[in-house]
Amino acid sequence: MASAAAPLPAAEVLAAEFAARSPDALLAAKRVLDAMQCRSPGRSLALEKRWQLKLLLGRNSGVARARAKDPARPFLPRQF
């Protein structure tokens, strides 16, 4: 029987990935995933499109592009 991977190290890796992302993008992902549980696919897709537009026009979008060259640059506080 194979042993299961320890959950704490896997959770720490996932948390580090989340910490490297825009706080606005994380919120948008959470909202879209929550909507998928209780809405029709068409409404969920429309919500995802609205969030994508908000993210592209948001201030942290520019910061995310700048972080490609300078990963130490911090994100701005969450906009939404």
Protein backbone atom coordinates (compact mmCIF):
# COMPACT_ATOMS: atom_id res chain seq x y z
CA MET A 1 0.00 0.00 0.00
CA ALA A 2 1.41 3.39 -1.00
CA SER A 3 1.50 6.05 1.68
CA ALA A 4 -0.34 9.30 1.07
CA ALA A 5 1.71 12.47 0.67
CA ALA A 6 1.85 14.59 3.80
CA PRO A 7 -0.82 17.28 3.56
CA LEU A 8 1.12 20.06 5.30
CA PRO A 9 3.99 20.34 2.78
CA ALA A 10 1.51 20.22 -0.11
CA ALA A 11 -0.59 22.94 1.56
CA GLU A 12 2.52 25.09 2.09
CA VAL A 13 3.45 24.81 -1.60
CA LEU A 14 -0.09 25.77 -2.60
CA ALA A 15 -0.10 28.70 -0.16
CA ALA A 16 3.20 29.95 -1.61
CA GLU A 17 1.70 29.83 -5.12
CA PHE A 18 -1.32 31.83 -3.93
CA ALA A 19 0.91 34.38 -2.20
CA ALA A 20 2.71 35.02 -5.50
CA ARG A 21 -0.56 35.88 -7.28
CA SER A 22 -2.46 39.13 -7.47
CA PRO A 23 -4.92 39.45 -4.58
CA ASP A 24 -7.51 40.68 -7.09
CA ALA A 25 -7.04 37.59 -9.26
CA LEU A 26 -7.41 35.29 -6.25
CA LEU A 27 -10.66 36.97 -5.24
CA ALA A 28 -11.99 36.75 -8.79
CA ALA A 29 -11.16 33.05 -8.97
CA LYS A 30 -12.93 32.40 -5.68
CA ARG A 31 -16.02 34.30 -6.80
CA VAL A 32 -16.22 32.49 -10.13
CA LEU A 33 -15.73 29.07 -8.51
CA ASP A 34 -18.43 29.84 -5.95
CA ALA A 35 -20.79 30.96 -8.71
CA MET A 36 -20.23 27.73 -10.62
CA GLN A 37 -21.75 25.82 -7.70
CA CYS A 38 -25.11 27.58 -7.77
CA ARG A 39 -25.56 29.15 -11.21
CA SER A 40 -26.08 27.94 -14.73
CA PRO A 41 -23.02 27.51 -16.95
CA GLY A 42 -24.04 30.51 -19.05
CA ARG A 43 -24.33 32.82 -16.05
CA SER A 44 -21.03 31.53 -14.66
CA LEU A 45 -19.31 32.23 -17.98
CA ALA A 46 -20.76 35.76 -18.08
CA LEU A 47 -19.50 36.36 -14.53
CA GLU A 48 -16.05 35.09 -15.48
CA LYS A 49 -15.93 37.48 -18.44
CA ARG A 50 -16.86 40.43 -16.20
CA TRP A 51 -14.14 39.51 -13.70
CA GLN A 52 -11.57 39.16 -16.48
CA LEU A 53 -12.39 42.66 -17.70
CA LYS A 54 -12.14 44.06 -14.16
CA LEU A 55 -8.78 42.35 -13.70
CA LEU A 56 -7.38 43.60 -17.00
CA LEU A 57 -8.38 47.17 -16.19
CA GLY A 58 -7.27 46.98 -12.55
CA ARG A 59 -4.14 48.44 -11.04
CA ASN A 60 -2.69 45.07 -10.06
CA SER A 61 -2.71 43.98 -13.69
CA GLY A 62 0.15 46.37 -14.38
CA VAL A 63 1.93 45.23 -11.24
CA ALA A 64 1.60 41.60 -12.37
CA ARG A 65 3.25 42.45 -15.69
CA ALA A 66 6.03 44.34 -13.89
CA ARG A 67 6.59 41.36 -11.57
CA ALA A 68 7.64 39.31 -14.59
CA LYS A 69 10.83 41.41 -14.59
CA ASP A 70 11.02 42.16 -10.85
CA PRO A 71 9.37 39.44 -8.70
CA ALA A 72 10.14 41.41 -5.53
CA ARG A 73 7.72 44.17 -6.50
CA PRO A 74 4.71 43.97 -4.18
CA PHE A 75 1.10 43.93 -5.29
CA LEU A 76 -1.14 46.82 -4.35
CA PRO A 77 -3.92 46.21 -1.80
CA ARG A 78 -6.92 44.35 -3.20
CA GLN A 79 -9.18 46.61 -5.27
CA PHE A 80 -12.38 44.62 -5.19
